[in-house]
Amino acid sequence: MVATFQVAIALGAVFGGLLVDHTGVASAFAHCGAATLLAASVVFLRGPKQAE
């Protein structure tokens, strides 16, 4: 599991750097915001259900 996090950190740095190089810093923030909203919606929809 630790290796998965290390790969994710490395790939994030590579793809983030490419994104900034090609489209600018502002687009990196926009993509991060979109990814955060997507992740939050997936957790909200697929997360554990409350007991009744």
N, C-alpha and C. Protein backbone atom coordinates (compact mmCIF):
# COMPACT_ATOMS: atom_id res chain seq x y z
N MET A 1 0.82 -1.18 0.00
CA MET A 1 0.00 0.00 0.00
C MET A 1 0.87 1.26 0.00
N VAL A 2 1.99 1.21 0.66
CA VAL A 2 2.89 2.35 0.67
C VAL A 2 3.41 2.63 -0.74
N ALA A 3 3.67 1.59 -1.49
CA ALA A 3 4.16 1.76 -2.86
C ALA A 3 3.12 2.46 -3.72
N THR A 4 1.84 2.18 -3.48
CA THR A 4 0.78 2.83 -4.24
C THR A 4 0.80 4.33 -4.00
N PHE A 5 0.97 4.74 -2.75
CA PHE A 5 1.03 6.17 -2.43
C PHE A 5 2.26 6.81 -3.07
N GLN A 6 3.38 6.11 -3.06
CA GLN A 6 4.59 6.67 -3.64
C GLN A 6 4.44 6.86 -5.15
N VAL A 7 3.82 5.89 -5.82
CA VAL A 7 3.59 6.01 -7.26
C VAL A 7 2.63 7.15 -7.54
N ALA A 8 1.58 7.29 -6.72
CA ALA A 8 0.62 8.38 -6.91
C ALA A 8 1.29 9.74 -6.74
N ILE A 9 2.16 9.87 -5.77
CA ILE A 9 2.88 11.13 -5.56
C ILE A 9 3.77 11.44 -6.76
N ALA A 10 4.48 10.44 -7.25
CA ALA A 10 5.38 10.65 -8.39
C ALA A 10 4.59 11.01 -9.64
N LEU A 11 3.50 10.29 -9.91
CA LEU A 11 2.70 10.58 -11.11
C LEU A 11 2.02 11.94 -11.01
N GLY A 12 1.59 12.31 -9.81
CA GLY A 12 0.98 13.61 -9.62
C GLY A 12 1.95 14.74 -9.92
N ALA A 13 3.18 14.57 -9.50
CA ALA A 13 4.19 15.59 -9.77
C ALA A 13 4.49 15.68 -11.27
N VAL A 14 4.58 14.55 -11.93
CA VAL A 14 4.87 14.55 -13.37
C VAL A 14 3.73 15.16 -14.16
N PHE A 15 2.50 14.68 -13.93
CA PHE A 15 1.36 15.19 -14.69
C PHE A 15 1.04 16.63 -14.32
N GLY A 16 1.21 16.99 -13.06
CA GLY A 16 1.02 18.38 -12.65
C GLY A 16 2.01 19.31 -13.32
N GLY A 17 3.26 18.88 -13.41
CA GLY A 17 4.27 19.68 -14.09
C GLY A 17 3.98 19.84 -15.57
N LEU A 18 3.55 18.77 -16.21
CA LEU A 18 3.19 18.86 -17.63
C LEU A 18 1.99 19.78 -17.83
N LEU A 19 1.03 19.70 -16.94
CA LEU A 19 -0.15 20.55 -17.04
C LEU A 19 0.23 22.02 -16.90
N VAL A 20 1.06 22.34 -15.95
CA VAL A 20 1.49 23.72 -15.75
C VAL A 20 2.33 24.20 -16.93
N ASP A 21 3.19 23.35 -17.45
CA ASP A 21 4.02 23.74 -18.59
C ASP A 21 3.19 24.05 -19.83
N HIS A 22 2.14 23.27 -20.05
CA HIS A 22 1.37 23.42 -21.29
C HIS A 22 0.21 24.40 -21.19
N THR A 23 -0.40 24.54 -20.01
CA THR A 23 -1.60 25.37 -19.93
C THR A 23 -1.54 26.46 -18.87
N GLY A 24 -0.53 26.48 -18.04
CA GLY A 24 -0.40 27.54 -17.04
C GLY A 24 -0.82 27.10 -15.65
N VAL A 25 -0.47 27.94 -14.68
CA VAL A 25 -0.70 27.62 -13.28
C VAL A 25 -2.18 27.62 -12.95
N ALA A 26 -2.94 28.57 -13.50
CA ALA A 26 -4.36 28.67 -13.17
C ALA A 26 -5.12 27.41 -13.56
N SER A 27 -4.74 26.79 -14.66
CA SER A 27 -5.45 25.57 -15.07
C SER A 27 -5.17 24.42 -14.11
N ALA A 28 -4.00 24.41 -13.48
CA ALA A 28 -3.70 23.37 -12.50
C ALA A 28 -4.66 23.47 -11.32
N PHE A 29 -4.94 24.69 -10.88
CA PHE A 29 -5.90 24.87 -9.78
C PHE A 29 -7.30 24.47 -10.22
N ALA A 30 -7.67 24.79 -11.45
CA ALA A 30 -8.99 24.41 -11.96
C ALA A 30 -9.13 22.89 -12.03
N HIS A 31 -8.10 22.22 -12.51
CA HIS A 31 -8.16 20.75 -12.59
C HIS A 31 -8.20 20.13 -11.19
N CYS A 32 -7.46 20.70 -10.26
CA CYS A 32 -7.50 20.18 -8.88
C CYS A 32 -8.89 20.36 -8.28
N GLY A 33 -9.51 21.51 -8.54
CA GLY A 33 -10.86 21.74 -8.04
C GLY A 33 -11.85 20.76 -8.64
N ALA A 34 -11.75 20.51 -9.94
CA ALA A 34 -12.65 19.56 -10.60
C ALA A 34 -12.43 18.15 -10.06
N ALA A 35 -11.19 17.76 -9.86
CA ALA A 35 -10.89 16.43 -9.32
C ALA A 35 -11.41 16.28 -7.89
N THR A 36 -11.32 17.35 -7.10
CA THR A 36 -11.82 17.31 -5.73
C THR A 36 -13.34 17.17 -5.71
N LEU A 37 -14.03 17.92 -6.57
CA LEU A 37 -15.48 17.79 -6.65
C LEU A 37 -15.90 16.40 -7.12
N LEU A 38 -15.19 15.86 -8.08
CA LEU A 38 -15.48 14.51 -8.55
C LEU A 38 -15.28 13.49 -7.43
N ALA A 39 -14.18 13.59 -6.71
CA ALA A 39 -13.91 12.65 -5.62
C ALA A 39 -14.95 12.78 -4.51
N ALA A 40 -15.34 14.01 -4.18
CA ALA A 40 -16.34 14.21 -3.13
C ALA A 40 -17.68 13.63 -3.54
N SER A 41 -18.05 13.79 -4.80
CA SER A 41 -19.32 13.24 -5.25
C SER A 41 -19.30 11.71 -5.26
N VAL A 42 -18.17 11.12 -5.63
CA VAL A 42 -18.06 9.66 -5.60
C VAL A 42 -18.16 9.15 -4.17
N VAL A 43 -17.52 9.81 -3.24
CA VAL A 43 -17.59 9.39 -1.83
C VAL A 43 -19.01 9.56 -1.31
N PHE A 44 -19.66 10.66 -1.68
CA PHE A 44 -21.04 10.90 -1.23
C PHE A 44 -21.99 9.84 -1.77
N LEU A 45 -21.84 9.49 -3.04
CA LEU A 45 -22.75 8.54 -3.66
C LEU A 45 -22.42 7.08 -3.34
N ARG A 46 -21.15 6.76 -3.22
CA ARG A 46 -20.74 5.36 -3.04
C ARG A 46 -20.28 5.04 -1.63
N GLY A 47 -20.25 6.03 -0.75
CA GLY A 47 -19.74 5.82 0.61
C GLY A 47 -20.66 4.96 1.44
N PRO A 48 -20.26 4.68 2.66
CA PRO A 48 -21.08 3.83 3.52
C PRO A 48 -22.43 4.49 3.82
N LYS A 49 -23.45 3.67 3.89
CA LYS A 49 -24.79 4.17 4.19
C LYS A 49 -24.99 4.22 5.70
N GLN A 50 -25.81 5.15 6.16
CA GLN A 50 -26.10 5.26 7.58
C GLN A 50 -27.09 4.19 8.01
N ALA A 51 -26.89 3.69 9.21
CA ALA A 51 -27.82 2.68 9.75
C ALA A 51 -29.12 3.36 10.13
N GLU A 52 -30.21 2.65 9.93
CA GLU A 52 -31.51 3.23 10.28
C GLU A 52 -32.02 2.72 11.59
